[in-house]
Amino acid sequence: MKKQKVDYRYIKYEGQVLQAKREIPFEIKLSSRLLLDELCFNWNRERFINQINDSIDVRDKEEFLKLSKMYNHFLRK
């Protein structure tokens, strides 16, 4: 039995090349956005709380009042 040979020939494609794009589903975009928003909010809230606690420890009343006002404004957004 003879072995079969396969020859491949590359020919340059003359037509217009199509670019395939893969869309991310809306649900994944929305859930990732909500997750990132929540993570940023929690990180900023913890940062404010730590700064307020540090100002209390140092007994800096002006800094405490300023941070408290900023924290309240942050929570209302």
PDB file of N, CA and C in Angstrom:
ATOM      1  N   MET A   1       0.829  -1.164   0.000  1.00  0.00           N
ATOM      2  CA  MET A   1       0.000   0.000   0.000  1.00  0.00           C
ATOM      3  C   MET A   1       0.887   1.246   0.000  1.00  0.00           C
ATOM      4  N   LYS A   2       0.624   2.150  -0.914  1.00  0.00           N
ATOM      5  CA  LYS A   2       1.431   3.336  -1.035  1.00  0.00           C
ATOM      6  C   LYS A   2       0.955   4.395  -0.047  1.00  0.00           C
ATOM      7  N   LYS A   3       1.911   5.192   0.478  1.00  0.00           N
ATOM      8  CA  LYS A   3       1.569   6.290   1.363  1.00  0.00           C
ATOM      9  C   LYS A   3       1.043   7.444   0.523  1.00  0.00           C
ATOM     10  N   GLN A   4       0.012   8.074   1.055  1.00  0.00           N
ATOM     11  CA  GLN A   4      -0.554   9.208   0.347  1.00  0.00           C
ATOM     12  C   GLN A   4       0.147  10.482   0.786  1.00  0.00           C
ATOM     13  N   LYS A   5       0.334  11.381  -0.141  1.00  0.00           N
ATOM     14  CA  LYS A   5       0.952  12.662   0.148  1.00  0.00           C
ATOM     15  C   LYS A   5      -0.085  13.759  -0.031  1.00  0.00           C
ATOM     16  N   VAL A   6       0.035  14.768   0.842  1.00  0.00           N
ATOM     17  CA  VAL A   6      -0.862  15.913   0.737  1.00  0.00           C
ATOM     18  C   VAL A   6       0.003  17.149   0.538  1.00  0.00           C
ATOM     19  N   ASP A   7      -0.322  17.908  -0.475  1.00  0.00           N
ATOM     20  CA  ASP A   7       0.388  19.147  -0.750  1.00  0.00           C
ATOM     21  C   ASP A   7      -0.548  20.312  -0.442  1.00  0.00           C
ATOM     22  N   TYR A   8      -0.016  21.302   0.298  1.00  0.00           N
ATOM     23  CA  TYR A   8      -0.770  22.521   0.598  1.00  0.00           C
ATOM     24  C   TYR A   8      -0.159  23.667  -0.173  1.00  0.00           C
ATOM     25  N   ARG A   9      -1.002  24.520  -0.694  1.00  0.00           N
ATOM     26  CA  ARG A   9      -0.557  25.675  -1.415  1.00  0.00           C
ATOM     27  C   ARG A   9      -1.226  26.913  -0.797  1.00  0.00           C
ATOM     28  N   TYR A  10      -0.433  27.896  -0.437  1.00  0.00           N
ATOM     29  CA  TYR A  10      -0.962  29.138   0.116  1.00  0.00           C
ATOM     30  C   TYR A  10      -1.176  30.129  -1.010  1.00  0.00           C
ATOM     31  N   ILE A  11      -2.409  30.632  -1.094  1.00  0.00           N
ATOM     32  CA  ILE A  11      -2.760  31.611  -2.115  1.00  0.00           C
ATOM     33  C   ILE A  11      -3.215  32.870  -1.394  1.00  0.00           C
ATOM     34  N   LYS A  12      -2.706  33.995  -1.845  1.00  0.00           N
ATOM     35  CA  LYS A  12      -3.072  35.269  -1.231  1.00  0.00           C
ATOM     36  C   LYS A  12      -4.544  35.557  -1.503  1.00  0.00           C
ATOM     37  N   TYR A  13      -5.260  35.891  -0.404  1.00  0.00           N
ATOM     38  CA  TYR A  13      -6.681  36.207  -0.522  1.00  0.00           C
ATOM     39  C   TYR A  13      -6.844  37.618  -1.061  1.00  0.00           C
ATOM     40  N   GLU A  14      -7.611  37.762  -2.103  1.00  0.00           N
ATOM     41  CA  GLU A  14      -7.767  39.047  -2.767  1.00  0.00           C
ATOM     42  C   GLU A  14      -8.988  39.823  -2.274  1.00  0.00           C
ATOM     43  N   GLY A  15      -9.867  39.214  -1.506  1.00  0.00           N
ATOM     44  CA  GLY A  15     -11.098  39.863  -1.082  1.00  0.00           C
ATOM     45  C   GLY A  15     -10.886  40.793   0.100  1.00  0.00           C
ATOM     46  N   GLN A  16     -11.988  41.392   0.588  1.00  0.00           N
ATOM     47  CA  GLN A  16     -11.934  42.309   1.717  1.00  0.00           C
ATOM     48  C   GLN A  16     -11.883  41.497   3.015  1.00  0.00           C
ATOM     49  N   VAL A  17     -10.976  41.880   3.901  1.00  0.00           N
ATOM     50  CA  VAL A  17     -10.798  41.165   5.156  1.00  0.00           C
ATOM     51  C   VAL A  17     -11.854  41.630   6.152  1.00  0.00           C
ATOM     52  N   LEU A  18     -12.489  40.697   6.813  1.00  0.00           N
ATOM     53  CA  LEU A  18     -13.494  41.012   7.820  1.00  0.00           C
ATOM     54  C   LEU A  18     -12.844  40.982   9.199  1.00  0.00           C
ATOM     55  N   GLN A  19     -13.195  41.954  10.023  1.00  0.00           N
ATOM     56  CA  GLN A  19     -12.697  41.995  11.391  1.00  0.00           C
ATOM     57  C   GLN A  19     -13.802  41.499  12.320  1.00  0.00           C
ATOM     58  N   ALA A  20     -13.517  40.469  13.058  1.00  0.00           N
ATOM     59  CA  ALA A  20     -14.506  39.915  13.982  1.00  0.00           C
ATOM     60  C   ALA A  20     -14.380  40.623  15.329  1.00  0.00           C
ATOM     61  N   LYS A  21     -15.512  41.077  15.860  1.00  0.00           N
ATOM     62  CA  LYS A  21     -15.533  41.722  17.167  1.00  0.00           C
ATOM     63  C   LYS A  21     -16.447  40.912  18.075  1.00  0.00           C
ATOM     64  N   ARG A  22     -16.004  40.773  19.289  1.00  0.00           N
ATOM     65  CA  ARG A  22     -16.810  40.040  20.248  1.00  0.00           C
ATOM     66  C   ARG A  22     -17.355  41.038  21.257  1.00  0.00           C
ATOM     67  N   GLU A  23     -18.645  41.185  21.292  1.00  0.00           N
ATOM     68  CA  GLU A  23     -19.291  42.113  22.208  1.00  0.00           C
ATOM     69  C   GLU A  23     -19.426  41.482  23.585  1.00  0.00           C
ATOM     70  N   ILE A  24     -19.185  42.288  24.597  1.00  0.00           N
ATOM     71  CA  ILE A  24     -19.390  41.841  25.966  1.00  0.00           C
ATOM     72  C   ILE A  24     -20.869  42.049  26.284  1.00  0.00           C
ATOM     73  N   PRO A  25     -21.534  41.029  26.824  1.00  0.00           N
ATOM     74  CA  PRO A  25     -22.962  41.174  27.121  1.00  0.00           C
ATOM     75  C   PRO A  25     -23.226  42.295  28.130  1.00  0.00           C
ATOM     76  N   PHE A  26     -24.399  42.911  27.993  1.00  0.00           N
ATOM     77  CA  PHE A  26     -24.778  44.040  28.841  1.00  0.00           C
ATOM     78  C   PHE A  26     -24.784  43.644  30.310  1.00  0.00           C
ATOM     79  N   GLU A  27     -25.250  42.438  30.615  1.00  0.00           N
ATOM     80  CA  GLU A  27     -25.341  41.996  32.010  1.00  0.00           C
ATOM     81  C   GLU A  27     -23.966  41.943  32.668  1.00  0.00           C
ATOM     82  N   ILE A  28     -22.973  41.507  31.919  1.00  0.00           N
ATOM     83  CA  ILE A  28     -21.618  41.426  32.469  1.00  0.00           C
ATOM     84  C   ILE A  28     -21.051  42.825  32.661  1.00  0.00           C
ATOM     85  N   LYS A  29     -21.295  43.727  31.698  1.00  0.00           N
ATOM     86  CA  LYS A  29     -20.839  45.110  31.838  1.00  0.00           C
ATOM     87  C   LYS A  29     -21.462  45.763  33.069  1.00  0.00           C
ATOM     88  N   LEU A  30     -22.772  45.577  33.234  1.00  0.00           N
ATOM     89  CA  LEU A  30     -23.484  46.187  34.351  1.00  0.00           C
ATOM     90  C   LEU A  30     -23.013  45.632  35.686  1.00  0.00           C
ATOM     91  N   SER A  31     -22.913  44.314  35.778  1.00  0.00           N
ATOM     92  CA  SER A  31     -22.504  43.711  37.054  1.00  0.00           C
ATOM     93  C   SER A  31     -21.067  44.085  37.406  1.00  0.00           C
ATOM     94  N   SER A  32     -20.179  44.158  36.427  1.00  0.00           N
ATOM     95  CA  SER A  32     -18.797  44.550  36.720  1.00  0.00           C
ATOM     96  C   SER A  32     -18.728  46.015  37.146  1.00  0.00           C
ATOM     97  N   ARG A  33     -19.540  46.873  36.520  1.00  0.00           N
ATOM     98  CA  ARG A  33     -19.563  48.292  36.892  1.00  0.00           C
ATOM     99  C   ARG A  33     -20.076  48.469  38.321  1.00  0.00           C
ATOM    100  N   LEU A  34     -21.149  47.737  38.664  1.00  0.00           N
ATOM    101  CA  LEU A  34     -21.703  47.823  40.011  1.00  0.00           C
ATOM    102  C   LEU A  34     -20.714  47.314  41.049  1.00  0.00           C
ATOM    103  N   LEU A  35     -20.006  46.248  40.724  1.00  0.00           N
ATOM    104  CA  LEU A  35     -19.013  45.700  41.648  1.00  0.00           C
ATOM    105  C   LEU A  35     -17.873  46.688  41.869  1.00  0.00           C
ATOM    106  N   LEU A  36     -17.377  47.296  40.795  1.00  0.00           N
ATOM    107  CA  LEU A  36     -16.300  48.278  40.932  1.00  0.00           C
ATOM    108  C   LEU A  36     -16.752  49.505  41.710  1.00  0.00           C
ATOM    109  N   ASP A  37     -17.992  49.953  41.467  1.00  0.00           N
ATOM    110  CA  ASP A  37     -18.523  51.096  42.218  1.00  0.00           C
ATOM    111  C   ASP A  37     -18.602  50.791  43.706  1.00  0.00           C
ATOM    112  N   GLU A  38     -19.059  49.589  44.027  1.00  0.00           N
ATOM    113  CA  GLU A  38     -19.163  49.209  45.436  1.00  0.00           C
ATOM    114  C   GLU A  38     -17.787  49.110  46.092  1.00  0.00           C
ATOM    115  N   LEU A  39     -16.826  48.545  45.383  1.00  0.00           N
ATOM    116  CA  LEU A  39     -15.471  48.438  45.926  1.00  0.00           C
ATOM    117  C   LEU A  39     -14.860  49.817  46.167  1.00  0.00           C
ATOM    118  N   CYS A  40     -15.046  50.730  45.220  1.00  0.00           N
ATOM    119  CA  CYS A  40     -14.511  52.085  45.388  1.00  0.00           C
ATOM    120  C   CYS A  40     -15.192  52.805  46.543  1.00  0.00           C
ATOM    121  N   PHE A  41     -16.505  52.649  46.649  1.00  0.00           N
ATOM    122  CA  PHE A  41     -17.238  53.289  47.738  1.00  0.00           C
ATOM    123  C   PHE A  41     -16.752  52.778  49.090  1.00  0.00           C
ATOM    124  N   ASN A  42     -16.617  51.468  49.224  1.00  0.00           N
ATOM    125  CA  ASN A  42     -16.164  50.889  50.496  1.00  0.00           C
ATOM    126  C   ASN A  42     -14.741  51.325  50.834  1.00  0.00           C
ATOM    127  N   TRP A  43     -13.867  51.378  49.831  1.00  0.00           N
ATOM    128  CA  TRP A  43     -12.485  51.794  50.077  1.00  0.00           C
ATOM    129  C   TRP A  43     -12.443  53.250  50.534  1.00  0.00           C
ATOM    130  N   ASN A  44     -13.189  54.126  49.858  1.00  0.00           N
ATOM    131  CA  ASN A  44     -13.218  55.540  50.240  1.00  0.00           C
ATOM    132  C   ASN A  44     -13.832  55.741  51.619  1.00  0.00           C
ATOM    133  N   ARG A  45     -14.881  54.983  51.917  1.00  0.00           N
ATOM    134  CA  ARG A  45     -15.527  55.099  53.222  1.00  0.00           C
ATOM    135  C   ARG A  45     -14.560  54.691  54.335  1.00  0.00           C
ATOM    136  N   GLU A  46     -13.851  53.601  54.133  1.00  0.00           N
ATOM    137  CA  GLU A  46     -12.865  53.155  55.132  1.00  0.00           C
ATOM    138  C   GLU A  46     -11.752  54.179  55.303  1.00  0.00           C
ATOM    139  N   ARG A  47     -11.332  54.785  54.186  1.00  0.00           N
ATOM    140  CA  ARG A  47     -10.295  55.808  54.251  1.00  0.00           C
ATOM    141  C   ARG A  47     -10.761  57.006  55.078  1.00  0.00           C
ATOM    142  N   PHE A  48     -11.986  57.459  54.837  1.00  0.00           N
ATOM    143  CA  PHE A  48     -12.539  58.559  55.626  1.00  0.00           C
ATOM    144  C   PHE A  48     -12.621  58.194  57.107  1.00  0.00           C
ATOM    145  N   ILE A  49     -13.097  57.012  57.397  1.00  0.00           N
ATOM    146  CA  ILE A  49     -13.239  56.582  58.795  1.00  0.00           C
ATOM    147  C   ILE A  49     -11.880  56.536  59.485  1.00  0.00           C
ATOM    148  N   ASN A  50     -10.876  56.025  58.796  1.00  0.00           N
ATOM    149  CA  ASN A  50      -9.530  55.972  59.388  1.00  0.00           C
ATOM    150  C   ASN A  50      -8.962  57.372  59.628  1.00  0.00           C
ATOM    151  N   GLN A  51      -9.181  58.279  58.676  1.00  0.00           N
ATOM    152  CA  GLN A  51      -8.700  59.648  58.860  1.00  0.00           C
ATOM    153  C   GLN A  51      -9.429  60.340  60.008  1.00  0.00           C
ATOM    154  N   ILE A  52     -10.725  60.111  60.133  1.00  0.00           N
ATOM    155  CA  ILE A  52     -11.491  60.697  61.236  1.00  0.00           C
ATOM    156  C   ILE A  52     -11.010  60.139  62.571  1.00  0.00           C
ATOM    157  N   ASN A  53     -10.778  58.844  62.622  1.00  0.00           N
ATOM    158  CA  ASN A  53     -10.289  58.236  63.861  1.00  0.00           C
ATOM    159  C   ASN A  53      -8.896  58.748  64.229  1.00  0.00           C
ATOM    160  N   ASP A  54      -8.057  58.953  63.222  1.00  0.00           N
ATOM    161  CA  ASP A  54      -6.724  59.507  63.491  1.00  0.00           C
ATOM    162  C   ASP A  54      -6.815  60.932  64.032  1.00  0.00           C
ATOM    163  N   SER A  55      -7.731  61.722  63.479  1.00  0.00           N
ATOM    164  CA  SER A  55      -7.877  63.088  63.983  1.00  0.00           C
ATOM    165  C   SER A  55      -8.427  63.097  65.415  1.00  0.00           C
ATOM    166  N   ILE A  56      -9.245  62.119  65.746  1.00  0.00           N
ATOM    167  CA  ILE A  56      -9.736  62.003  67.129  1.00  0.00           C
ATOM    168  C   ILE A  56      -8.590  61.624  68.055  1.00  0.00           C
ATOM    169  N   ASP A  57      -7.766  60.681  67.609  1.00  0.00           N
ATOM    170  CA  ASP A  57      -6.628  60.251  68.434  1.00  0.00           C
ATOM    171  C   ASP A  57      -5.661  61.404  68.697  1.00  0.00           C
ATOM    172  N   VAL A  58      -5.461  62.239  67.701  1.00  0.00           N
ATOM    173  CA  VAL A  58      -4.535  63.361  67.831  1.00  0.00           C
ATOM    174  C   VAL A  58      -5.211  64.553  68.528  1.00  0.00           C
ATOM    175  N   ARG A  59      -6.521  64.508  68.626  1.00  0.00           N
ATOM    176  CA  ARG A  59      -7.353  65.563  69.232  1.00  0.00           C
ATOM    177  C   ARG A  59      -7.283  66.864  68.429  1.00  0.00           C
ATOM    178  N   ASP A  60      -7.374  66.685  67.121  1.00  0.00           N
ATOM    179  CA  ASP A  60      -7.397  67.824  66.212  1.00  0.00           C
ATOM    180  C   ASP A  60      -8.850  68.091  65.822  1.00  0.00           C
ATOM    181  N   LYS A  61      -9.461  69.046  66.496  1.00  0.00           N
ATOM    182  CA  LYS A  61     -10.880  69.313  66.327  1.00  0.00           C
ATOM    183  C   LYS A  61     -11.191  69.874  64.937  1.00  0.00           C
ATOM    184  N   GLU A  62     -10.356  70.757  64.431  1.00  0.00           N
ATOM    185  CA  GLU A  62     -10.592  71.354  63.118  1.00  0.00           C
ATOM    186  C   GLU A  62     -10.552  70.298  62.014  1.00  0.00           C
ATOM    187  N   GLU A  63      -9.573  69.444  62.080  1.00  0.00           N
ATOM    188  CA  GLU A  63      -9.458  68.370  61.081  1.00  0.00           C
ATOM    189  C   GLU A  63     -10.652  67.419  61.181  1.00  0.00           C
ATOM    190  N   PHE A  64     -11.063  67.124  62.399  1.00  0.00           N
ATOM    191  CA  PHE A  64     -12.208  66.251  62.607  1.00  0.00           C
ATOM    192  C   PHE A  64     -13.470  66.855  62.004  1.00  0.00           C
ATOM    193  N   LEU A  65     -13.719  68.121  62.235  1.00  0.00           N
ATOM    194  CA  LEU A  65     -14.912  68.770  61.695  1.00  0.00           C
ATOM    195  C   LEU A  65     -14.879  68.809  60.165  1.00  0.00           C
ATOM    196  N   LYS A  66     -13.708  69.104  59.626  1.00  0.00           N
ATOM    197  CA  LYS A  66     -13.576  69.150  58.168  1.00  0.00           C
ATOM    198  C   LYS A  66     -13.834  67.769  57.554  1.00  0.00           C
ATOM    199  N   LEU A  67     -13.222  66.735  58.128  1.00  0.00           N
ATOM    200  CA  LEU A  67     -13.408  65.376  57.616  1.00  0.00           C
ATOM    201  C   LEU A  67     -14.835  64.874  57.821  1.00  0.00           C
ATOM    202  N   SER A  68     -15.438  65.255  58.918  1.00  0.00           N
ATOM    203  CA  SER A  68     -16.821  64.840  59.174  1.00  0.00           C
ATOM    204  C   SER A  68     -17.770  65.436  58.139  1.00  0.00           C
ATOM    205  N   LYS A  69     -17.544  66.690  57.819  1.00  0.00           N
ATOM    206  CA  LYS A  69     -18.378  67.345  56.809  1.00  0.00           C
ATOM    207  C   LYS A  69     -18.185  66.673  55.445  1.00  0.00           C
ATOM    208  N   MET A  70     -16.952  66.382  55.097  1.00  0.00           N
ATOM    209  CA  MET A  70     -16.676  65.704  53.827  1.00  0.00           C
ATOM    210  C   MET A  70     -17.284  64.303  53.803  1.00  0.00           C
ATOM    211  N   TYR A  71     -17.206  63.609  54.933  1.00  0.00           N
ATOM    212  CA  TYR A  71     -17.756  62.246  55.022  1.00  0.00           C
ATOM    213  C   TYR A  71     -19.273  62.269  54.860  1.00  0.00           C
ATOM    214  N   ASN A  72     -19.942  63.222  55.497  1.00  0.00           N
ATOM    215  CA  ASN A  72     -21.393  63.324  55.351  1.00  0.00           C
ATOM    216  C   ASN A  72     -21.786  63.640  53.906  1.00  0.00           C
ATOM    217  N   HIS A  73     -21.032  64.521  53.282  1.00  0.00           N
ATOM    218  CA  HIS A  73     -21.300  64.838  51.884  1.00  0.00           C
ATOM    219  C   HIS A  73     -21.062  63.604  51.002  1.00  0.00           C
ATOM    220  N   PHE A  74     -20.055  62.834  51.327  1.00  0.00           N
ATOM    221  CA  PHE A  74     -19.731  61.612  50.575  1.00  0.00           C
ATOM    222  C   PHE A  74     -20.852  60.586  50.696  1.00  0.00           C
ATOM    223  N   LEU A  75     -21.428  60.456  51.884  1.00  0.00           N
ATOM    224  CA  LEU A  75     -22.497  59.473  52.086  1.00  0.00           C
ATOM    225  C   LEU A  75     -23.793  59.870  51.390  1.00  0.00           C
ATOM    226  N   ARG A  76     -24.035  61.139  51.238  1.00  0.00           N
ATOM    227  CA  ARG A  76     -25.280  61.591  50.612  1.00  0.00           C
ATOM    228  C   ARG A  76     -25.286  61.382  49.111  1.00  0.00           C
ATOM    229  N   LYS A  77     -24.102  61.323  48.499  1.00  0.00           N
ATOM    230  CA  LYS A  77     -24.038  61.098  47.049  1.00  0.00           C
ATOM    231  C   LYS A  77     -24.467  59.724  46.781  1.00  0.00           C
TER     232      LYS A  77
END
